[in-house]
Amino acid sequence: MTSSTRTVPDLTSPLTHLPAAGLDEVWADLRRDDPVHWHPGTADTPGFWVLTRHRDVSAVLRDNARFTSERGNVLATMLHGGDNGAGRMLAVTDGEHHTALRTLLLKAFSPRALEGVVRQVRSTTRRLLLEALERGSCDFAQDIASHVPLSTICDLLAVPESDREYILTLTKSALASDYAQPEAGEDRLARGELLVYFHDLVQHRRRHPGEDVISLLATEPAGATFLDDDDVVLNCYSLIMGGDETSRLSMIGAVRTLAHDPEQWGALASGRAPLKEATEEVLRWTTPTLHFGRVATEEVALHDRTIADGDLVTLWLSAANRDESVFHEPDRFDLARSPNKHLTLGYGPHFCLGAYLGRVEINAMLDGLRTFVGSVEQTGDEKRIYSNFLSGISSLPVAVTPRPGGSLPWQD
């Protein structure tokens, strides 16, 4: 196996992951020539392995014996000593406690438990789209997509309505920024404020439990033990972050692409692209989570490389979801694509807990677009987020027109 001839840019820099960086060609080179690539460190941070093939990424995600998440699962924490929530927060816990915690949370995230939430998602999505159609224009990212997933996860956690804009602001700052050079420590400050907020909420729910997810975590055991306040808080933090970002960024990316792709807009509007398949393609195409991380717990041979015990390993979903050996014409947006074995929601023991709910949210948005909207036109420049973990858009101005011949509620 030969080394890639293309220079691999600094994957830790948010600037590298903006569209202008053109990483698709870099990923293609690495998949072909150097699928287990060593990314050098700096004077302050260690180097790490970069995996880009779908088969390798899915294999590591499945193997939590030789590759642990308990020393961090994203570059931001892995490069600086690990995650403070390790062994306590679902996303960075392995083994028996992970199984017990996941089993507890699945009580709140099963399709049956979410029936009422699903109805609310569809209602909220329809209302926001109809309001945009009445105005004739909107910032799709700010006015629509930012509200659907956040409202949904806040409903599950029973976050008061008056606090939700504050929570949205914090979640955006915690993992990404609207600026190339955010204020120093802004992300850490936002994460700290989220933890403080949920600590107060947890204490309130212990005294006044309800039927929400926080009350579930605070009053029922995970396996043989009950969670203490800090454990409940960390898992609330994880749920609010994971429950908002993937769906929101996927929906924004889908509308941005549809505004520039008449063929796929037609496929959606006409029903040639079934909603189930369209939802999966939106997840693959946008891949809002760029990578996951693991740490090797023993020496592992992979292709012609040796991953040492303790080495950091990054799994690039943005590369795996364009793997030519898995996806036919991977660089084409195809809402009718099937099969579609994307890894956007993870794989294996840490497969996204909220996968069903995220799919419902994207499905509802696509259904609302094809039912009520006749056209979408981008009317100004989008604003990209700056992150080495998330990929997407924070502002997308569009003009929208009603579907021809359709009857909107205010016209009846």
Protein backbone atom coordinates (compact mmCIF):
# COMPACT_ATOMS: atom_id res chain seq x y z
CA MET A 1 0.00 0.00 0.00
CA THR A 2 1.42 3.37 -1.01
CA SER A 3 1.19 6.64 0.80
CA SER A 4 -1.20 9.29 -0.51
CA THR A 5 0.44 11.80 -2.82
CA ARG A 6 -1.93 14.54 -1.69
CA THR A 7 -1.01 16.63 1.33
CA VAL A 8 -3.45 15.99 4.17
CA PRO A 9 -4.37 19.29 5.83
CA ASP A 10 -4.62 19.85 9.58
CA LEU A 11 -7.80 17.99 10.49
CA THR A 12 -7.91 19.64 13.92
CA SER A 13 -8.49 23.09 12.41
CA PRO A 14 -12.12 24.15 11.88
CA LEU A 15 -11.03 26.07 8.76
CA THR A 16 -10.04 22.79 7.12
CA HIS A 17 -13.63 21.56 7.11
CA LEU A 18 -15.26 24.50 5.33
CA PRO A 19 -16.51 23.61 1.81
CA ALA A 20 -13.71 25.58 0.15
CA ALA A 21 -11.22 23.19 1.70
CA GLY A 22 -12.31 20.51 -0.78
CA LEU A 23 -11.79 17.49 1.46
CA ASP A 24 -13.70 15.08 -0.81
CA GLU A 25 -10.60 14.61 -2.95
CA VAL A 26 -8.41 14.21 0.12
CA TRP A 27 -10.75 11.55 1.49
CA ALA A 28 -10.77 9.74 -1.86
CA ASP A 29 -6.97 9.67 -1.91
CA LEU A 30 -6.78 8.37 1.64
CA ARG A 31 -9.41 5.69 1.07
CA ARG A 32 -7.46 4.48 -1.96
CA ASP A 33 -3.83 4.83 -0.85
CA ASP A 34 -3.60 5.38 2.90
CA PRO A 35 -6.78 4.23 4.69
CA VAL A 36 -5.00 4.13 8.08
CA HIS A 37 -3.25 7.48 7.95
CA TRP A 38 -1.08 8.92 10.73
CA HIS A 39 -1.88 12.56 11.48
CA PRO A 40 1.07 14.20 13.27
CA GLY A 41 0.62 15.96 16.58
CA THR A 42 1.96 19.29 17.77
CA ALA A 43 4.07 20.41 20.70
CA ASP A 44 0.87 20.49 22.76
CA THR A 45 -1.25 17.64 21.38
CA PRO A 46 -0.65 14.02 20.37
CA GLY A 47 -0.91 12.62 16.86
CA PHE A 48 -3.76 10.32 15.87
CA TRP A 49 -4.82 7.76 13.30
CA VAL A 50 -7.29 8.74 10.54
CA LEU A 51 -9.60 6.00 9.19
CA THR A 52 -11.57 6.75 6.03
CA ARG A 53 -12.96 3.50 4.58
CA HIS A 54 -16.54 2.52 5.40
CA ARG A 55 -15.55 -1.04 6.30
CA ASP A 56 -12.82 0.05 8.72
CA VAL A 57 -14.88 2.79 10.35
CA SER A 58 -17.85 0.48 10.93
CA ALA A 59 -15.56 -2.28 12.27
CA VAL A 60 -14.01 0.02 14.88
CA LEU A 61 -17.39 1.45 15.88
CA ARG A 62 -18.59 -2.11 16.47
CA ASP A 63 -15.52 -3.13 18.50
CA ASN A 64 -15.73 -1.51 21.94
CA ALA A 65 -13.38 -4.12 23.41
CA ARG A 66 -10.27 -3.06 21.47
CA PHE A 67 -11.37 0.55 20.89
CA THR A 68 -12.85 2.41 23.84
CA SER A 69 -14.85 5.62 23.95
CA GLU A 70 -14.06 6.13 27.64
CA ARG A 71 -11.03 8.33 26.91
CA GLY A 72 -13.04 10.70 24.74
CA ASN A 73 -14.99 10.33 21.52
CA VAL A 74 -14.21 13.61 19.71
CA LEU A 75 -10.95 15.37 18.90
CA ALA A 76 -11.75 18.34 21.14
CA THR A 77 -11.54 16.14 24.25
CA MET A 78 -9.21 13.36 23.07
CA LEU A 79 -6.38 15.75 22.25
CA HIS A 80 -6.54 17.31 25.70
CA GLY A 81 -6.52 14.34 28.04
CA GLY A 82 -9.97 12.82 27.70
CA ASP A 83 -13.60 13.44 28.66
CA ASN A 84 -14.65 14.31 32.24
CA GLY A 85 -17.86 12.35 31.67
CA ALA A 86 -16.06 9.10 30.84
CA GLY A 87 -17.68 6.08 32.44
CA ARG A 88 -20.73 8.13 33.39
CA MET A 89 -22.15 9.74 30.23
CA LEU A 90 -23.67 7.29 27.74
CA ALA A 91 -21.62 8.45 24.75
CA VAL A 92 -18.30 7.91 26.56
CA THR A 93 -19.13 4.78 28.55
CA ASP A 94 -18.57 1.16 27.57
CA GLY A 95 -19.30 -2.25 29.05
CA GLU A 96 -22.00 -3.18 31.56
CA HIS A 97 -22.74 0.36 32.73
CA HIS A 98 -23.24 1.50 29.14
CA THR A 99 -25.72 -1.33 28.59
CA ALA A 100 -27.61 -0.53 31.79
CA LEU A 101 -27.76 3.19 31.07
CA ARG A 102 -28.83 2.66 27.47
CA THR A 103 -31.53 0.22 28.57
CA LEU A 104 -32.90 2.82 30.99
CA LEU A 105 -32.94 5.58 28.39
CA LEU A 106 -34.56 3.39 25.76
CA LYS A 107 -37.71 3.49 27.89
CA ALA A 108 -38.06 7.11 26.81
CA PHE A 109 -36.82 6.75 23.22
CA SER A 110 -38.77 3.75 21.92
CA PRO A 111 -41.23 4.40 19.06
CA ARG A 112 -44.17 3.61 21.36
CA ALA A 113 -42.96 6.03 24.04
CA LEU A 114 -42.47 8.74 21.43
CA GLU A 115 -45.92 8.57 19.78
CA GLY A 116 -47.06 11.86 21.26
CA VAL A 117 -43.72 13.53 20.53
CA VAL A 118 -43.92 12.44 16.89
CA ARG A 119 -47.33 14.08 16.51
CA GLN A 120 -45.93 17.27 17.99
CA VAL A 121 -42.92 17.19 15.64
CA ARG A 122 -45.20 17.02 12.61
CA SER A 123 -47.43 19.77 13.93
CA THR A 124 -44.52 22.10 14.73
CA THR A 125 -42.85 21.49 11.37
CA ARG A 126 -46.04 22.20 9.44
CA ARG A 127 -46.70 25.38 11.43
CA LEU A 128 -43.19 26.78 10.88
CA LEU A 129 -43.29 26.04 7.14
CA LEU A 130 -46.71 27.62 6.74
CA GLU A 131 -45.58 30.73 8.61
CA ALA A 132 -42.59 31.00 6.26
CA LEU A 133 -44.83 30.61 3.22
CA GLU A 134 -47.10 33.36 4.48
CA ARG A 135 -44.10 35.70 4.78
CA GLY A 136 -42.62 34.50 1.49
CA SER A 137 -39.10 34.29 2.87
CA CYS A 138 -37.16 33.19 5.91
CA ASP A 139 -33.79 32.21 7.21
CA PHE A 140 -34.40 28.48 7.06
CA ALA A 141 -31.63 27.73 9.55
CA GLN A 142 -32.68 30.32 12.13
CA ASP A 143 -36.47 30.40 11.68
CA ILE A 144 -37.31 26.74 11.08
CA ALA A 145 -34.56 24.15 11.48
CA SER A 146 -33.26 25.58 14.76
CA HIS A 147 -36.65 25.14 16.39
CA VAL A 148 -37.85 21.64 15.47
CA PRO A 149 -35.17 19.40 17.05
CA LEU A 150 -34.58 21.68 20.01
CA SER A 151 -38.30 21.88 20.80
CA THR A 152 -38.50 18.10 20.56
CA ILE A 153 -35.63 17.27 22.91
CA CYS A 154 -36.67 20.06 25.28
CA ASP A 155 -40.16 18.52 25.37
CA LEU A 156 -38.61 15.18 26.32
CA LEU A 157 -36.56 16.82 29.07
CA ALA A 158 -39.43 19.15 30.05
CA VAL A 159 -37.26 22.25 29.71
CA PRO A 160 -39.42 25.33 30.35
CA GLU A 161 -40.40 27.21 27.18
CA SER A 162 -38.85 30.41 28.51
CA ASP A 163 -35.41 28.79 28.71
CA ARG A 164 -35.24 27.26 25.23
CA GLU A 165 -33.63 30.10 23.29
CA TYR A 166 -30.94 30.23 25.97
CA ILE A 167 -30.35 26.49 25.62
CA LEU A 168 -30.15 26.78 21.82
CA THR A 169 -27.52 29.50 22.09
CA LEU A 170 -25.43 27.39 24.46
CA THR A 171 -25.63 24.22 22.35
CA LYS A 172 -24.46 26.08 19.26
CA SER A 173 -21.48 27.54 21.11
CA ALA A 174 -20.48 24.33 22.86
CA LEU A 175 -19.38 22.37 19.78
CA ALA A 176 -19.08 24.94 17.00
CA SER A 177 -18.97 28.63 16.28
CA ASP A 178 -20.33 31.08 13.74
CA TYR A 179 -16.93 32.75 13.70
CA ALA A 180 -13.54 31.65 12.44
CA GLN A 181 -11.91 32.90 15.64
CA PRO A 182 -14.43 32.70 18.49
CA GLU A 183 -13.69 34.25 21.82
CA ALA A 184 -11.14 32.23 23.76
CA GLY A 185 -12.82 29.57 25.86
CA GLU A 186 -16.30 30.32 24.50
CA ASP A 187 -17.01 26.62 23.92
CA ARG A 188 -15.90 25.61 27.43
CA LEU A 189 -17.93 28.41 28.98
CA ALA A 190 -21.05 27.30 27.08
CA ARG A 191 -20.58 23.68 28.18
CA GLY A 192 -20.14 24.83 31.77
CA GLU A 193 -23.33 26.89 31.66
CA LEU A 194 -25.29 23.96 30.26
CA LEU A 195 -24.09 21.73 33.08
CA VAL A 196 -25.03 24.30 35.71
CA TYR A 197 -28.46 24.76 34.14
CA PHE A 198 -29.23 21.04 34.16
CA HIS A 199 -27.89 20.61 37.69
CA ASP A 200 -30.58 23.00 38.94
CA LEU A 201 -33.22 21.24 36.85
CA VAL A 202 -32.23 17.79 38.14
CA GLN A 203 -32.49 18.89 41.75
CA HIS A 204 -35.97 20.28 41.04
CA ARG A 205 -37.09 17.01 39.39
CA ARG A 206 -35.86 14.94 42.32
CA ARG A 207 -38.26 16.93 44.50
CA HIS A 208 -41.04 17.11 41.90
CA PRO A 209 -40.68 14.19 39.46
CA GLY A 210 -42.77 14.05 36.32
CA GLU A 211 -42.91 11.83 33.24
CA ASP A 212 -39.94 13.42 31.46
CA VAL A 213 -36.50 11.96 30.74
CA ILE A 214 -34.79 13.88 33.56
CA SER A 215 -37.27 12.46 36.07
CA LEU A 216 -36.66 8.98 34.64
CA LEU A 217 -32.89 9.29 35.10
CA ALA A 218 -33.29 10.80 38.56
CA THR A 219 -35.73 8.26 39.99
CA GLU A 220 -35.08 4.88 38.30
CA PRO A 221 -31.96 2.72 38.55
CA ALA A 222 -29.53 2.03 35.71
CA GLY A 223 -28.99 -1.65 36.35
CA ALA A 224 -28.40 -2.14 40.06
CA THR A 225 -27.51 1.46 40.94
CA PHE A 226 -29.16 4.86 40.88
CA LEU A 227 -27.45 7.78 39.13
CA ASP A 228 -26.19 10.65 41.24
CA ASP A 229 -26.89 14.28 40.29
CA ASP A 230 -23.69 14.67 38.28
CA ASP A 231 -24.40 11.55 36.22
CA VAL A 232 -27.93 12.71 35.42
CA VAL A 233 -26.62 16.14 34.46
CA LEU A 234 -23.95 14.71 32.15
CA ASN A 235 -26.50 12.57 30.35
CA CYS A 236 -28.90 15.48 29.99
CA TYR A 237 -26.03 17.43 28.44
CA SER A 238 -25.33 14.57 26.05
CA LEU A 239 -28.99 14.27 25.04
CA ILE A 240 -29.47 17.98 24.41
CA MET A 241 -26.34 18.14 22.26
CA GLY A 242 -26.97 14.97 20.30
CA GLY A 243 -30.69 15.54 20.00
CA ASP A 244 -30.34 18.98 18.46
CA GLU A 245 -27.30 19.10 16.20
CA THR A 246 -27.66 16.15 13.79
CA SER A 247 -31.28 16.76 12.79
CA ARG A 248 -30.95 20.53 12.62
CA LEU A 249 -27.83 20.55 10.46
CA SER A 250 -29.17 17.75 8.24
CA MET A 251 -32.38 19.65 7.51
CA ILE A 252 -30.54 22.86 6.69
CA GLY A 253 -28.11 21.05 4.41
CA ALA A 254 -30.98 19.29 2.65
CA VAL A 255 -32.83 22.51 1.87
CA ARG A 256 -29.63 24.20 0.69
CA THR A 257 -28.99 21.29 -1.70
CA LEU A 258 -32.61 21.07 -2.90
CA ALA A 259 -32.62 24.79 -3.70
CA HIS A 260 -29.83 24.13 -6.21
CA ASP A 261 -30.93 20.72 -7.53
CA PRO A 262 -34.16 20.92 -9.58
CA GLU A 263 -34.01 17.22 -10.46
CA GLN A 264 -34.03 16.09 -6.83
CA TRP A 265 -36.57 18.75 -5.85
CA GLY A 266 -38.80 17.28 -8.55
CA ALA A 267 -38.20 13.76 -7.26
CA LEU A 268 -39.26 14.84 -3.78
CA ALA A 269 -42.25 16.90 -4.88
CA SER A 270 -43.59 14.23 -7.23
CA GLY A 271 -43.16 11.36 -4.82
CA ARG A 272 -40.64 9.56 -7.05
CA ALA A 273 -38.33 9.66 -4.05
CA PRO A 274 -40.06 7.90 -1.13
CA LEU A 275 -39.76 9.75 2.17
CA LYS A 276 -37.98 6.87 3.90
CA GLU A 277 -35.22 6.70 1.29
CA ALA A 278 -35.04 10.50 1.05
CA THR A 279 -34.51 10.78 4.81
CA GLU A 280 -31.59 8.35 4.70
CA GLU A 281 -29.98 10.17 1.79
CA VAL A 282 -30.24 13.50 3.59
CA LEU A 283 -28.40 11.94 6.53
CA ARG A 284 -25.70 10.47 4.28
CA TRP A 285 -25.29 13.54 2.10
CA THR A 286 -25.04 16.08 4.89
CA THR A 287 -23.11 13.93 7.43
CA PRO A 288 -23.26 16.67 10.10
CA THR A 289 -21.03 14.73 12.50
CA LEU A 290 -17.63 14.68 10.80
CA HIS A 291 -15.94 12.12 13.02
CA PHE A 292 -16.06 9.94 16.09
CA GLY A 293 -13.01 9.04 18.14
CA ARG A 294 -11.76 6.00 20.01
CA VAL A 295 -8.61 4.96 21.88
CA ALA A 296 -7.01 1.58 21.26
CA THR A 297 -6.88 -0.66 24.33
CA GLU A 298 -4.37 -3.09 22.79
CA GLU A 299 -2.11 -3.34 19.75
CA VAL A 300 -4.17 -3.74 16.57
CA ALA A 301 -2.90 -4.50 13.06
CA LEU A 302 -4.98 -2.83 10.35
CA HIS A 303 -3.94 -3.03 6.71
CA ASP A 304 -0.17 -2.40 6.75
CA ARG A 305 -0.21 -0.31 9.93
CA THR A 306 0.11 -1.13 13.62
CA ILE A 307 -2.11 0.84 15.98
CA ALA A 308 -0.46 0.80 19.40
CA ASP A 309 -2.19 0.40 22.74
CA GLY A 310 -3.22 3.92 23.82
CA ASP A 311 -3.20 5.45 20.33
CA LEU A 312 -5.98 7.87 19.39
CA VAL A 313 -8.07 6.71 16.44
CA THR A 314 -10.43 9.03 14.54
CA LEU A 315 -13.21 7.62 12.37
CA TRP A 316 -14.20 10.03 9.61
CA LEU A 317 -17.87 9.55 8.80
CA SER A 318 -17.60 12.29 6.17
CA ALA A 319 -15.15 10.05 4.30
CA ALA A 320 -16.87 6.70 4.94
CA ASN A 321 -20.20 8.04 3.67
CA ARG A 322 -18.57 8.73 0.28
CA ASP A 323 -16.88 5.33 -0.03
CA GLU A 324 -17.07 4.20 -3.66
CA SER A 325 -17.02 0.54 -2.64
CA VAL A 326 -20.30 0.97 -0.74
CA PHE A 327 -22.22 3.77 -2.48
CA HIS A 328 -22.91 3.97 -6.22
CA GLU A 329 -21.96 7.45 -7.45
CA PRO A 330 -21.36 8.64 -3.87
CA ASP A 331 -20.87 12.28 -4.88
CA ARG A 332 -24.40 12.46 -6.29
CA PHE A 333 -27.37 13.53 -4.14
CA ASP A 334 -30.01 10.87 -4.86
CA LEU A 335 -33.13 10.96 -2.70
CA ALA A 336 -34.25 7.57 -4.02
CA ARG A 337 -30.92 5.89 -3.15
CA SER A 338 -31.34 2.33 -1.89
CA PRO A 339 -29.64 0.59 -0.20
CA ASN A 340 -28.03 3.32 1.86
CA LYS A 341 -25.72 1.98 4.56
CA HIS A 342 -24.52 5.37 5.80
CA LEU A 343 -22.82 5.74 9.17
CA THR A 344 -24.18 9.18 10.08
CA LEU A 345 -25.98 7.84 13.14
CA GLY A 346 -23.08 5.62 14.16
CA TYR A 347 -22.92 1.85 14.30
CA GLY A 348 -22.60 -0.87 16.90
CA PRO A 349 -23.04 -0.41 20.67
CA HIS A 350 -23.06 3.40 20.42
CA PHE A 351 -25.59 3.63 17.58
CA CYS A 352 -27.49 6.88 18.11
CA LEU A 353 -30.05 6.52 20.89
CA GLY A 354 -32.27 9.12 19.21
CA ALA A 355 -31.99 7.69 15.68
CA TYR A 356 -35.72 7.03 15.39
CA LEU A 357 -36.58 10.52 16.57
CA GLY A 358 -34.00 12.17 14.30
CA ARG A 359 -35.39 10.32 11.30
CA VAL A 360 -38.92 11.39 12.25
CA GLU A 361 -37.83 15.04 12.33
CA ILE A 362 -36.14 14.94 8.92
CA ASN A 363 -39.01 12.92 7.46
CA ALA A 364 -41.53 15.47 8.75
CA MET A 365 -39.57 18.34 7.19
CA LEU A 366 -39.33 16.62 3.80
CA ASP A 367 -43.03 15.77 3.93
CA GLY A 368 -43.90 19.38 4.75
CA LEU A 369 -41.75 20.66 1.89
CA ARG A 370 -43.33 18.40 -0.71
CA THR A 371 -46.86 18.99 0.60
CA PHE A 372 -46.88 22.78 0.89
CA VAL A 373 -43.85 24.28 -0.85
CA GLY A 374 -43.69 24.85 -4.59
CA SER A 375 -40.19 26.27 -4.78
CA VAL A 376 -37.20 27.18 -2.62
CA GLU A 377 -34.65 29.74 -3.79
CA GLN A 378 -31.55 30.74 -1.88
CA THR A 379 -31.54 34.53 -1.71
CA GLY A 380 -28.24 35.26 0.02
CA ASP A 381 -25.00 33.74 1.16
CA GLU A 382 -25.18 30.97 3.71
CA LYS A 383 -23.07 31.18 6.85
CA ARG A 384 -21.08 28.07 7.67
CA ILE A 385 -20.23 26.92 11.18
CA TYR A 386 -16.59 26.58 12.21
CA SER A 387 -15.88 23.21 13.80
CA ASN A 388 -13.69 20.14 13.44
CA PHE A 389 -16.55 17.96 14.72
CA LEU A 390 -19.71 19.30 13.09
CA SER A 391 -20.38 20.35 9.51
CA GLY A 392 -23.22 22.58 8.47
CA ILE A 393 -24.86 25.95 8.08
CA SER A 394 -26.05 28.41 10.71
CA SER A 395 -27.78 30.86 8.36
CA LEU A 396 -29.59 30.13 5.07
CA PRO A 397 -31.77 32.92 3.62
CA VAL A 398 -34.40 31.57 1.22
CA ALA A 399 -37.54 32.64 -0.63
CA VAL A 400 -40.38 30.11 -0.58
CA THR A 401 -43.56 29.92 -2.64
CA PRO A 402 -46.64 27.74 -2.08
CA ARG A 403 -47.16 24.61 -4.12
CA PRO A 404 -49.21 25.44 -7.26
CA GLY A 405 -52.81 24.42 -6.94
CA GLY A 406 -52.42 23.64 -3.28
CA SER A 407 -54.69 25.02 -0.60
CA LEU A 408 -52.98 26.50 2.39
CA PRO A 409 -54.86 26.86 5.71
CA TRP A 410 -55.09 30.67 5.57
CA GLN A 411 -56.56 30.45 2.04
CA ASP A 412 -59.41 28.09 3.00
